[in-house]
Amino acid sequence: MEKQALNIPLITDANELQSMVGEPHEHVRNKAISYVDSHVQNFVSMSPLFFLSTSDQDGKSDVSPRGDEAGFVKVLDQFRLVYPERPGNRRIDSLMNILSNPG
């Protein structure tokens, strides 16, 4: 049996991709914020899990799950969260990344 090639368009730039997908609704465009508002604070207070994403000084990314009882992450202010650092595998990748690349 002969395999038939799929007729899938090759996307070569961002404008082409956006035209294929369409424009996002205004609510979706405005969902990304750079601070902790009351909705985020409420969500964080109920969450038993989050994923910490960091990158090292060379830009290599790492994502690490963190979990505990709901409310284990505390909101210090609209720009800072704190969480307990639990004993684990002692690799301390996230902490080392934060030290070398605080951004």
PDB file of N, CA and C in Angstrom:
ATOM      1  N   MET A   1       0.853  -1.175   0.000  1.00  0.00           N
ATOM      2  CA  MET A   1       0.000   0.000   0.000  1.00  0.00           C
ATOM      3  C   MET A   1       0.899   1.239   0.000  1.00  0.00           C
ATOM      4  N   GLU A   2       0.599   2.162  -0.856  1.00  0.00           N
ATOM      5  CA  GLU A   2       1.389   3.382  -0.993  1.00  0.00           C
ATOM      6  C   GLU A   2       0.903   4.448  -0.017  1.00  0.00           C
ATOM      7  N   LYS A   3       1.855   5.085   0.668  1.00  0.00           N
ATOM      8  CA  LYS A   3       1.485   6.158   1.606  1.00  0.00           C
ATOM      9  C   LYS A   3       1.238   7.435   0.825  1.00  0.00           C
ATOM     10  N   GLN A   4       0.194   8.152   1.237  1.00  0.00           N
ATOM     11  CA  GLN A   4      -0.138   9.410   0.590  1.00  0.00           C
ATOM     12  C   GLN A   4       0.396  10.570   1.439  1.00  0.00           C
ATOM     13  N   ALA A   5       1.049  11.523   0.802  1.00  0.00           N
ATOM     14  CA  ALA A   5       1.580  12.684   1.521  1.00  0.00           C
ATOM     15  C   ALA A   5       0.429  13.562   2.009  1.00  0.00           C
ATOM     16  N   LEU A   6       0.559  14.064   3.220  1.00  0.00           N
ATOM     17  CA  LEU A   6      -0.447  14.978   3.763  1.00  0.00           C
ATOM     18  C   LEU A   6      -0.257  16.353   3.148  1.00  0.00           C
ATOM     19  N   ASN A   7      -1.333  17.000   2.848  1.00  0.00           N
ATOM     20  CA  ASN A   7      -1.270  18.339   2.277  1.00  0.00           C
ATOM     21  C   ASN A   7      -1.406  19.356   3.410  1.00  0.00           C
ATOM     22  N   ILE A   8      -0.321  19.544   4.147  1.00  0.00           N
ATOM     23  CA  ILE A   8      -0.305  20.448   5.293  1.00  0.00           C
ATOM     24  C   ILE A   8       0.532  21.669   4.929  1.00  0.00           C
ATOM     25  N   PRO A   9      -0.055  22.875   5.071  1.00  0.00           N
ATOM     26  CA  PRO A   9       0.712  24.077   4.713  1.00  0.00           C
ATOM     27  C   PRO A   9       1.879  24.303   5.674  1.00  0.00           C
ATOM     28  N   LEU A  10       2.969  24.787   5.129  1.00  0.00           N
ATOM     29  CA  LEU A  10       4.140  25.133   5.927  1.00  0.00           C
ATOM     30  C   LEU A  10       4.001  26.581   6.364  1.00  0.00           C
ATOM     31  N   ILE A  11       3.993  26.805   7.673  1.00  0.00           N
ATOM     32  CA  ILE A  11       3.862  28.160   8.220  1.00  0.00           C
ATOM     33  C   ILE A  11       5.258  28.719   8.387  1.00  0.00           C
ATOM     34  N   THR A  12       5.482  29.895   7.809  1.00  0.00           N
ATOM     35  CA  THR A  12       6.837  30.450   7.800  1.00  0.00           C
ATOM     36  C   THR A  12       7.009  31.730   8.602  1.00  0.00           C
ATOM     37  N   ASP A  13       5.913  32.394   9.006  1.00  0.00           N
ATOM     38  CA  ASP A  13       6.083  33.600   9.819  1.00  0.00           C
ATOM     39  C   ASP A  13       4.870  33.832  10.725  1.00  0.00           C
ATOM     40  N   ALA A  14       5.048  34.733  11.666  1.00  0.00           N
ATOM     41  CA  ALA A  14       4.024  34.992  12.687  1.00  0.00           C
ATOM     42  C   ALA A  14       2.731  35.532  12.091  1.00  0.00           C
ATOM     43  N   ASN A  15       2.817  36.408  11.092  1.00  0.00           N
ATOM     44  CA  ASN A  15       1.607  36.970  10.478  1.00  0.00           C
ATOM     45  C   ASN A  15       0.776  35.889   9.797  1.00  0.00           C
ATOM     46  N   GLU A  16       1.444  34.975   9.125  1.00  0.00           N
ATOM     47  CA  GLU A  16       0.756  33.869   8.468  1.00  0.00           C
ATOM     48  C   GLU A  16       0.043  32.994   9.500  1.00  0.00           C
ATOM     49  N   LEU A  17       0.741  32.700  10.591  1.00  0.00           N
ATOM     50  CA  LEU A  17       0.142  31.900  11.661  1.00  0.00           C
ATOM     51  C   LEU A  17      -1.070  32.602  12.249  1.00  0.00           C
ATOM     52  N   GLN A  18      -0.940  33.897  12.566  1.00  0.00           N
ATOM     53  CA  GLN A  18      -2.054  34.645  13.156  1.00  0.00           C
ATOM     54  C   GLN A  18      -3.244  34.690  12.218  1.00  0.00           C
ATOM     55  N   SER A  19      -2.999  34.829  10.915  1.00  0.00           N
ATOM     56  CA  SER A  19      -4.116  34.872   9.971  1.00  0.00           C
ATOM     57  C   SER A  19      -4.835  33.530   9.897  1.00  0.00           C
ATOM     58  N   MET A  20      -4.118  32.436  10.101  1.00  0.00           N
ATOM     59  CA  MET A  20      -4.744  31.116  10.090  1.00  0.00           C
ATOM     60  C   MET A  20      -5.582  30.888  11.350  1.00  0.00           C
ATOM     61  N   VAL A  21      -5.085  31.375  12.490  1.00  0.00           N
ATOM     62  CA  VAL A  21      -5.742  31.136  13.772  1.00  0.00           C
ATOM     63  C   VAL A  21      -6.831  32.167  14.049  1.00  0.00           C
ATOM     64  N   GLY A  22      -6.609  33.395  13.615  1.00  0.00           N
ATOM     65  CA  GLY A  22      -7.535  34.484  13.894  1.00  0.00           C
ATOM     66  C   GLY A  22      -7.055  35.300  15.089  1.00  0.00           C
ATOM     67  N   GLU A  23      -7.727  36.399  15.322  1.00  0.00           N
ATOM     68  CA  GLU A  23      -7.363  37.301  16.407  1.00  0.00           C
ATOM     69  C   GLU A  23      -8.027  36.852  17.706  1.00  0.00           C
ATOM     70  N   PRO A  24      -7.316  36.939  18.833  1.00  0.00           N
ATOM     71  CA  PRO A  24      -7.924  36.573  20.116  1.00  0.00           C
ATOM     72  C   PRO A  24      -8.924  37.631  20.571  1.00  0.00           C
ATOM     73  N   HIS A  25      -9.889  37.200  21.361  1.00  0.00           N
ATOM     74  CA  HIS A  25     -10.873  38.107  21.943  1.00  0.00           C
ATOM     75  C   HIS A  25     -10.157  39.064  22.906  1.00  0.00           C
ATOM     76  N   GLU A  26     -10.707  40.241  23.095  1.00  0.00           N
ATOM     77  CA  GLU A  26     -10.106  41.248  23.974  1.00  0.00           C
ATOM     78  C   GLU A  26      -9.842  40.710  25.379  1.00  0.00           C
ATOM     79  N   HIS A  27     -10.765  39.929  25.940  1.00  0.00           N
ATOM     80  CA  HIS A  27     -10.587  39.364  27.281  1.00  0.00           C
ATOM     81  C   HIS A  27      -9.365  38.447  27.330  1.00  0.00           C
ATOM     82  N   VAL A  28      -9.144  37.718  26.264  1.00  0.00           N
ATOM     83  CA  VAL A  28      -8.006  36.811  26.200  1.00  0.00           C
ATOM     84  C   VAL A  28      -6.709  37.611  26.066  1.00  0.00           C
ATOM     85  N   ARG A  29      -6.722  38.649  25.242  1.00  0.00           N
ATOM     86  CA  ARG A  29      -5.525  39.495  25.077  1.00  0.00           C
ATOM     87  C   ARG A  29      -5.127  40.146  26.399  1.00  0.00           C
ATOM     88  N   ASN A  30      -6.096  40.464  27.237  1.00  0.00           N
ATOM     89  CA  ASN A  30      -5.832  41.181  28.491  1.00  0.00           C
ATOM     90  C   ASN A  30      -5.636  40.258  29.687  1.00  0.00           C
ATOM     91  N   LYS A  31      -5.579  38.947  29.474  1.00  0.00           N
ATOM     92  CA  LYS A  31      -5.486  38.022  30.608  1.00  0.00           C
ATOM     93  C   LYS A  31      -4.109  38.007  31.256  1.00  0.00           C
ATOM     94  N   ALA A  32      -3.067  38.332  30.515  1.00  0.00           N
ATOM     95  CA  ALA A  32      -1.711  38.317  31.063  1.00  0.00           C
ATOM     96  C   ALA A  32      -1.438  39.638  31.778  1.00  0.00           C
ATOM     97  N   ILE A  33      -1.158  39.535  33.070  1.00  0.00           N
ATOM     98  CA  ILE A  33      -0.836  40.728  33.853  1.00  0.00           C
ATOM     99  C   ILE A  33       0.489  40.485  34.562  1.00  0.00           C
ATOM    100  N   SER A  34       1.147  41.540  34.942  1.00  0.00           N
ATOM    101  CA  SER A  34       2.476  41.415  35.558  1.00  0.00           C
ATOM    102  C   SER A  34       2.436  41.646  37.068  1.00  0.00           C
ATOM    103  N   TYR A  35       1.274  41.462  37.664  1.00  0.00           N
ATOM    104  CA  TYR A  35       1.131  41.672  39.097  1.00  0.00           C
ATOM    105  C   TYR A  35       0.073  40.711  39.634  1.00  0.00           C
ATOM    106  N   VAL A  36       0.013  40.582  40.941  1.00  0.00           N
ATOM    107  CA  VAL A  36      -0.965  39.719  41.596  1.00  0.00           C
ATOM    108  C   VAL A  36      -2.177  40.570  41.954  1.00  0.00           C
ATOM    109  N   ASP A  37      -3.277  40.324  41.252  1.00  0.00           N
ATOM    110  CA  ASP A  37      -4.504  41.047  41.598  1.00  0.00           C
ATOM    111  C   ASP A  37      -5.343  40.179  42.547  1.00  0.00           C
ATOM    112  N   SER A  38      -6.528  40.638  42.908  1.00  0.00           N
ATOM    113  CA  SER A  38      -7.345  39.908  43.884  1.00  0.00           C
ATOM    114  C   SER A  38      -7.772  38.537  43.359  1.00  0.00           C
ATOM    115  N   HIS A  39      -8.010  38.419  42.058  1.00  0.00           N
ATOM    116  CA  HIS A  39      -8.402  37.128  41.483  1.00  0.00           C
ATOM    117  C   HIS A  39      -7.250  36.122  41.575  1.00  0.00           C
ATOM    118  N   VAL A  40      -6.057  36.579  41.247  1.00  0.00           N
ATOM    119  CA  VAL A  40      -4.876  35.707  41.333  1.00  0.00           C
ATOM    120  C   VAL A  40      -4.624  35.328  42.789  1.00  0.00           C
ATOM    121  N   GLN A  41      -4.718  36.288  43.690  1.00  0.00           N
ATOM    122  CA  GLN A  41      -4.499  36.008  45.116  1.00  0.00           C
ATOM    123  C   GLN A  41      -5.489  34.955  45.612  1.00  0.00           C
ATOM    124  N   ASN A  42      -6.745  35.050  45.218  1.00  0.00           N
ATOM    125  CA  ASN A  42      -7.750  34.065  45.619  1.00  0.00           C
ATOM    126  C   ASN A  42      -7.410  32.689  45.039  1.00  0.00           C
ATOM    127  N   PHE A  43      -7.025  32.636  43.775  1.00  0.00           N
ATOM    128  CA  PHE A  43      -6.675  31.378  43.128  1.00  0.00           C
ATOM    129  C   PHE A  43      -5.474  30.726  43.820  1.00  0.00           C
ATOM    130  N   VAL A  44      -4.444  31.521  44.091  1.00  0.00           N
ATOM    131  CA  VAL A  44      -3.242  31.015  44.758  1.00  0.00           C
ATOM    132  C   VAL A  44      -3.586  30.477  46.144  1.00  0.00           C
ATOM    133  N   SER A  45      -4.472  31.147  46.859  1.00  0.00           N
ATOM    134  CA  SER A  45      -4.818  30.716  48.221  1.00  0.00           C
ATOM    135  C   SER A  45      -5.509  29.358  48.240  1.00  0.00           C
ATOM    136  N   MET A  46      -6.122  28.954  47.133  1.00  0.00           N
ATOM    137  CA  MET A  46      -6.840  27.678  47.066  1.00  0.00           C
ATOM    138  C   MET A  46      -6.041  26.573  46.373  1.00  0.00           C
ATOM    139  N   SER A  47      -4.872  26.905  45.853  1.00  0.00           N
ATOM    140  CA  SER A  47      -4.123  25.957  45.024  1.00  0.00           C
ATOM    141  C   SER A  47      -3.166  25.095  45.844  1.00  0.00           C
ATOM    142  N   PRO A  48      -3.233  23.773  45.678  1.00  0.00           N
ATOM    143  CA  PRO A  48      -2.295  22.881  46.356  1.00  0.00           C
ATOM    144  C   PRO A  48      -1.051  22.580  45.511  1.00  0.00           C
ATOM    145  N   LEU A  49      -0.952  23.197  44.342  1.00  0.00           N
ATOM    146  CA  LEU A  49       0.133  22.879  43.418  1.00  0.00           C
ATOM    147  C   LEU A  49       0.446  24.073  42.541  1.00  0.00           C
ATOM    148  N   PHE A  50       1.724  24.281  42.264  1.00  0.00           N
ATOM    149  CA  PHE A  50       2.123  25.222  41.224  1.00  0.00           C
ATOM    150  C   PHE A  50       3.387  24.707  40.572  1.00  0.00           C
ATOM    151  N   PHE A  51       3.714  25.272  39.444  1.00  0.00           N
ATOM    152  CA  PHE A  51       4.910  24.886  38.699  1.00  0.00           C
ATOM    153  C   PHE A  51       5.834  26.087  38.627  1.00  0.00           C
ATOM    154  N   LEU A  52       7.043  25.910  39.138  1.00  0.00           N
ATOM    155  CA  LEU A  52       8.038  26.969  39.173  1.00  0.00           C
ATOM    156  C   LEU A  52       8.913  26.853  37.936  1.00  0.00           C
ATOM    157  N   SER A  53       8.885  27.872  37.101  1.00  0.00           N
ATOM    158  CA  SER A  53       9.685  27.883  35.883  1.00  0.00           C
ATOM    159  C   SER A  53      10.821  28.876  36.052  1.00  0.00           C
ATOM    160  N   THR A  54      12.039  28.404  35.853  1.00  0.00           N
ATOM    161  CA  THR A  54      13.226  29.251  35.959  1.00  0.00           C
ATOM    162  C   THR A  54      14.122  28.972  34.762  1.00  0.00           C
ATOM    163  N   SER A  55      15.123  29.794  34.591  1.00  0.00           N
ATOM    164  CA  SER A  55      16.135  29.518  33.570  1.00  0.00           C
ATOM    165  C   SER A  55      17.490  29.928  34.114  1.00  0.00           C
ATOM    166  N   ASP A  56      18.510  29.217  33.662  1.00  0.00           N
ATOM    167  CA  ASP A  56      19.856  29.491  34.147  1.00  0.00           C
ATOM    168  C   ASP A  56      20.479  30.664  33.396  1.00  0.00           C
ATOM    169  N   GLN A  57      21.725  30.966  33.693  1.00  0.00           N
ATOM    170  CA  GLN A  57      22.381  32.127  33.094  1.00  0.00           C
ATOM    171  C   GLN A  57      22.524  32.018  31.580  1.00  0.00           C
ATOM    172  N   ASP A  58      22.438  30.799  31.044  1.00  0.00           N
ATOM    173  CA  ASP A  58      22.522  30.594  29.603  1.00  0.00           C
ATOM    174  C   ASP A  58      21.147  30.533  28.946  1.00  0.00           C
ATOM    175  N   GLY A  59      20.083  30.668  29.738  1.00  0.00           N
ATOM    176  CA  GLY A  59      18.733  30.633  29.205  1.00  0.00           C
ATOM    177  C   GLY A  59      18.116  29.248  29.149  1.00  0.00           C
ATOM    178  N   LYS A  60      18.808  28.228  29.656  1.00  0.00           N
ATOM    179  CA  LYS A  60      18.262  26.870  29.682  1.00  0.00           C
ATOM    180  C   LYS A  60      17.150  26.816  30.731  1.00  0.00           C
ATOM    181  N   SER A  61      15.972  26.369  30.305  1.00  0.00           N
ATOM    182  CA  SER A  61      14.789  26.398  31.169  1.00  0.00           C
ATOM    183  C   SER A  61      14.640  25.133  32.002  1.00  0.00           C
ATOM    184  N   ASP A  62      13.953  25.297  33.129  1.00  0.00           N
ATOM    185  CA  ASP A  62      13.647  24.195  34.025  1.00  0.00           C
ATOM    186  C   ASP A  62      12.277  24.476  34.640  1.00  0.00           C
ATOM    187  N   VAL A  63      11.460  23.462  34.755  1.00  0.00           N
ATOM    188  CA  VAL A  63      10.157  23.600  35.411  1.00  0.00           C
ATOM    189  C   VAL A  63      10.078  22.553  36.504  1.00  0.00           C
ATOM    190  N   SER A  64       9.682  22.985  37.695  1.00  0.00           N
ATOM    191  CA  SER A  64       9.647  22.107  38.847  1.00  0.00           C
ATOM    192  C   SER A  64       8.292  22.210  39.546  1.00  0.00           C
ATOM    193  N   PRO A  65       7.610  21.081  39.767  1.00  0.00           N
ATOM    194  CA  PRO A  65       6.337  21.142  40.488  1.00  0.00           C
ATOM    195  C   PRO A  65       6.572  21.367  41.977  1.00  0.00           C
ATOM    196  N   ARG A  66       5.704  22.146  42.597  1.00  0.00           N
ATOM    197  CA  ARG A  66       5.739  22.383  44.041  1.00  0.00           C
ATOM    198  C   ARG A  66       4.335  22.177  44.566  1.00  0.00           C
ATOM    199  N   GLY A  67       4.205  21.449  45.655  1.00  0.00           N
ATOM    200  CA  GLY A  67       2.883  21.206  46.183  1.00  0.00           C
ATOM    201  C   GLY A  67       2.868  21.048  47.686  1.00  0.00           C
ATOM    202  N   ASP A  68       1.722  21.320  48.274  1.00  0.00           N
ATOM    203  CA  ASP A  68       1.498  21.210  49.715  1.00  0.00           C
ATOM    204  C   ASP A  68       0.014  21.464  49.936  1.00  0.00           C
ATOM    205  N   GLU A  69      -0.383  21.656  51.169  1.00  0.00           N
ATOM    206  CA  GLU A  69      -1.775  21.988  51.455  1.00  0.00           C
ATOM    207  C   GLU A  69      -2.137  23.307  50.771  1.00  0.00           C
ATOM    208  N   ALA A  70      -3.378  23.422  50.345  1.00  0.00           N
ATOM    209  CA  ALA A  70      -3.838  24.682  49.755  1.00  0.00           C
ATOM    210  C   ALA A  70      -3.478  25.841  50.674  1.00  0.00           C
ATOM    211  N   GLY A  71      -2.981  26.915  50.092  1.00  0.00           N
ATOM    212  CA  GLY A  71      -2.574  28.080  50.872  1.00  0.00           C
ATOM    213  C   GLY A  71      -1.110  28.092  51.241  1.00  0.00           C
ATOM    214  N   PHE A  72      -0.336  27.091  50.787  1.00  0.00           N
ATOM    215  CA  PHE A  72       1.080  27.055  51.154  1.00  0.00           C
ATOM    216  C   PHE A  72       1.886  28.154  50.467  1.00  0.00           C
ATOM    217  N   VAL A  73       1.371  28.712  49.390  1.00  0.00           N
ATOM    218  CA  VAL A  73       2.006  29.861  48.742  1.00  0.00           C
ATOM    219  C   VAL A  73       1.367  31.115  49.318  1.00  0.00           C
ATOM    220  N   LYS A  74       2.194  32.041  49.755  1.00  0.00           N
ATOM    221  CA  LYS A  74       1.697  33.285  50.351  1.00  0.00           C
ATOM    222  C   LYS A  74       2.002  34.461  49.431  1.00  0.00           C
ATOM    223  N   VAL A  75       1.095  35.400  49.384  1.00  0.00           N
ATOM    224  CA  VAL A  75       1.272  36.620  48.610  1.00  0.00           C
ATOM    225  C   VAL A  75       1.845  37.683  49.538  1.00  0.00           C
ATOM    226  N   LEU A  76       3.068  38.140  49.247  1.00  0.00           N
ATOM    227  CA  LEU A  76       3.668  39.224  50.047  1.00  0.00           C
ATOM    228  C   LEU A  76       3.127  40.575  49.622  1.00  0.00           C
ATOM    229  N   ASP A  77       3.059  40.792  48.326  1.00  0.00           N
ATOM    230  CA  ASP A  77       2.514  42.017  47.761  1.00  0.00           C
ATOM    231  C   ASP A  77       2.169  41.725  46.308  1.00  0.00           C
ATOM    232  N   GLN A  78       1.817  42.736  45.555  1.00  0.00           N
ATOM    233  CA  GLN A  78       1.351  42.486  44.188  1.00  0.00           C
ATOM    234  C   GLN A  78       2.441  42.018  43.231  1.00  0.00           C
ATOM    235  N   PHE A  79       3.685  41.957  43.678  1.00  0.00           N
ATOM    236  CA  PHE A  79       4.777  41.506  42.810  1.00  0.00           C
ATOM    237  C   PHE A  79       5.558  40.317  43.356  1.00  0.00           C
ATOM    238  N   ARG A  80       5.249  39.872  44.587  1.00  0.00           N
ATOM    239  CA  ARG A  80       6.059  38.802  45.188  1.00  0.00           C
ATOM    240  C   ARG A  80       5.198  37.746  45.870  1.00  0.00           C
ATOM    241  N   LEU A  81       5.594  36.490  45.600  1.00  0.00           N
ATOM    242  CA  LEU A  81       5.004  35.328  46.257  1.00  0.00           C
ATOM    243  C   LEU A  81       6.113  34.622  47.016  1.00  0.00           C
ATOM    244  N   VAL A  82       5.769  33.932  48.091  1.00  0.00           N
ATOM    245  CA  VAL A  82       6.732  33.103  48.806  1.00  0.00           C
ATOM    246  C   VAL A  82       6.142  31.716  48.987  1.00  0.00           C
ATOM    247  N   TYR A  83       7.020  30.741  49.000  1.00  0.00           N
ATOM    248  CA  TYR A  83       6.605  29.355  49.190  1.00  0.00           C
ATOM    249  C   TYR A  83       7.692  28.660  49.996  1.00  0.00           C
ATOM    250  N   PRO A  84       7.333  27.612  50.742  1.00  0.00           N
ATOM    251  CA  PRO A  84       8.354  26.887  51.500  1.00  0.00           C
ATOM    252  C   PRO A  84       9.209  26.033  50.563  1.00  0.00           C
ATOM    253  N   GLU A  85      10.486  26.028  50.797  1.00  0.00           N
ATOM    254  CA  GLU A  85      11.406  25.167  50.037  1.00  0.00           C
ATOM    255  C   GLU A  85      11.576  23.894  50.842  1.00  0.00           C
ATOM    256  N   ARG A  86      10.991  22.813  50.373  1.00  0.00           N
ATOM    257  CA  ARG A  86      10.991  21.538  51.088  1.00  0.00           C
ATOM    258  C   ARG A  86      12.222  20.710  50.719  1.00  0.00           C
ATOM    259  N   PRO A  87      12.685  19.899  51.658  1.00  0.00           N
ATOM    260  CA  PRO A  87      13.787  18.981  51.322  1.00  0.00           C
ATOM    261  C   PRO A  87      13.320  18.033  50.222  1.00  0.00           C
ATOM    262  N   GLY A  88      14.143  17.845  49.241  1.00  0.00           N
ATOM    263  CA  GLY A  88      13.784  16.964  48.128  1.00  0.00           C
ATOM    264  C   GLY A  88      15.012  16.209  47.663  1.00  0.00           C
ATOM    265  N   ASN A  89      15.284  16.315  46.386  1.00  0.00           N
ATOM    266  CA  ASN A  89      16.410  15.578  45.820  1.00  0.00           C
ATOM    267  C   ASN A  89      17.751  16.302  46.002  1.00  0.00           C
ATOM    268  N   ARG A  90      17.726  17.467  46.580  1.00  0.00           N
ATOM    269  CA  ARG A  90      18.907  18.287  46.880  1.00  0.00           C
ATOM    270  C   ARG A  90      19.649  18.781  45.631  1.00  0.00           C
ATOM    271  N   ARG A  91      18.972  18.771  44.486  1.00  0.00           N
ATOM    272  CA  ARG A  91      19.606  19.303  43.270  1.00  0.00           C
ATOM    273  C   ARG A  91      19.573  20.833  43.283  1.00  0.00           C
ATOM    274  N   ILE A  92      18.623  21.412  43.920  1.00  0.00           N
ATOM    275  CA  ILE A  92      18.399  22.861  44.033  1.00  0.00           C
ATOM    276  C   ILE A  92      18.536  23.609  42.694  1.00  0.00           C
ATOM    277  N   ASP A  93      18.092  22.966  41.609  1.00  0.00           N
ATOM    278  CA  ASP A  93      18.166  23.589  40.285  1.00  0.00           C
ATOM    279  C   ASP A  93      17.463  24.943  40.251  1.00  0.00           C
ATOM    280  N   SER A  94      16.235  24.994  40.761  1.00  0.00           N
ATOM    281  CA  SER A  94      15.470  26.252  40.705  1.00  0.00           C
ATOM    282  C   SER A  94      16.167  27.368  41.472  1.00  0.00           C
ATOM    283  N   LEU A  95      16.638  27.046  42.680  1.00  0.00           N
ATOM    284  CA  LEU A  95      17.310  28.069  43.483  1.00  0.00           C
ATOM    285  C   LEU A  95      18.599  28.543  42.831  1.00  0.00           C
ATOM    286  N   MET A  96      19.358  27.607  42.269  1.00  0.00           N
ATOM    287  CA  MET A  96      20.592  27.980  41.567  1.00  0.00           C
ATOM    288  C   MET A  96      20.284  28.851  40.343  1.00  0.00           C
ATOM    289  N   ASN A  97      19.200  28.501  39.633  1.00  0.00           N
ATOM    290  CA  ASN A  97      18.807  29.317  38.483  1.00  0.00           C
ATOM    291  C   ASN A  97      18.404  30.719  38.914  1.00  0.00           C
ATOM    292  N   ILE A  98      17.652  30.823  40.001  1.00  0.00           N
ATOM    293  CA  ILE A  98      17.229  32.140  40.482  1.00  0.00           C
ATOM    294  C   ILE A  98      18.445  32.986  40.861  1.00  0.00           C
ATOM    295  N   LEU A  99      19.432  32.365  41.478  1.00  0.00           N
ATOM    296  CA  LEU A  99      20.638  33.105  41.826  1.00  0.00           C
ATOM    297  C   LEU A  99      21.403  33.579  40.592  1.00  0.00           C
ATOM    298  N   SER A 100      21.486  32.730  39.576  1.00  0.00           N
ATOM    299  CA  SER A 100      22.270  33.095  38.390  1.00  0.00           C
ATOM    300  C   SER A 100      21.477  33.921  37.377  1.00  0.00           C
ATOM    301  N   ASN A 101      20.139  33.864  37.460  1.00  0.00           N
ATOM    302  CA  ASN A 101      19.301  34.590  36.508  1.00  0.00           C
ATOM    303  C   ASN A 101      18.018  35.039  37.215  1.00  0.00           C
ATOM    304  N   PRO A 102      18.082  36.088  38.019  1.00  0.00           N
ATOM    305  CA  PRO A 102      16.938  36.501  38.829  1.00  0.00           C
ATOM    306  C   PRO A 102      15.740  36.984  38.017  1.00  0.00           C
ATOM    307  N   GLY A 103      15.925  37.266  36.738  1.00  0.00           N
ATOM    308  CA  GLY A 103      14.809  37.733  35.901  1.00  0.00           C
ATOM    309  C   GLY A 103      13.785  36.682  35.684  1.00  0.00           C
TER     310      GLY A 103
END
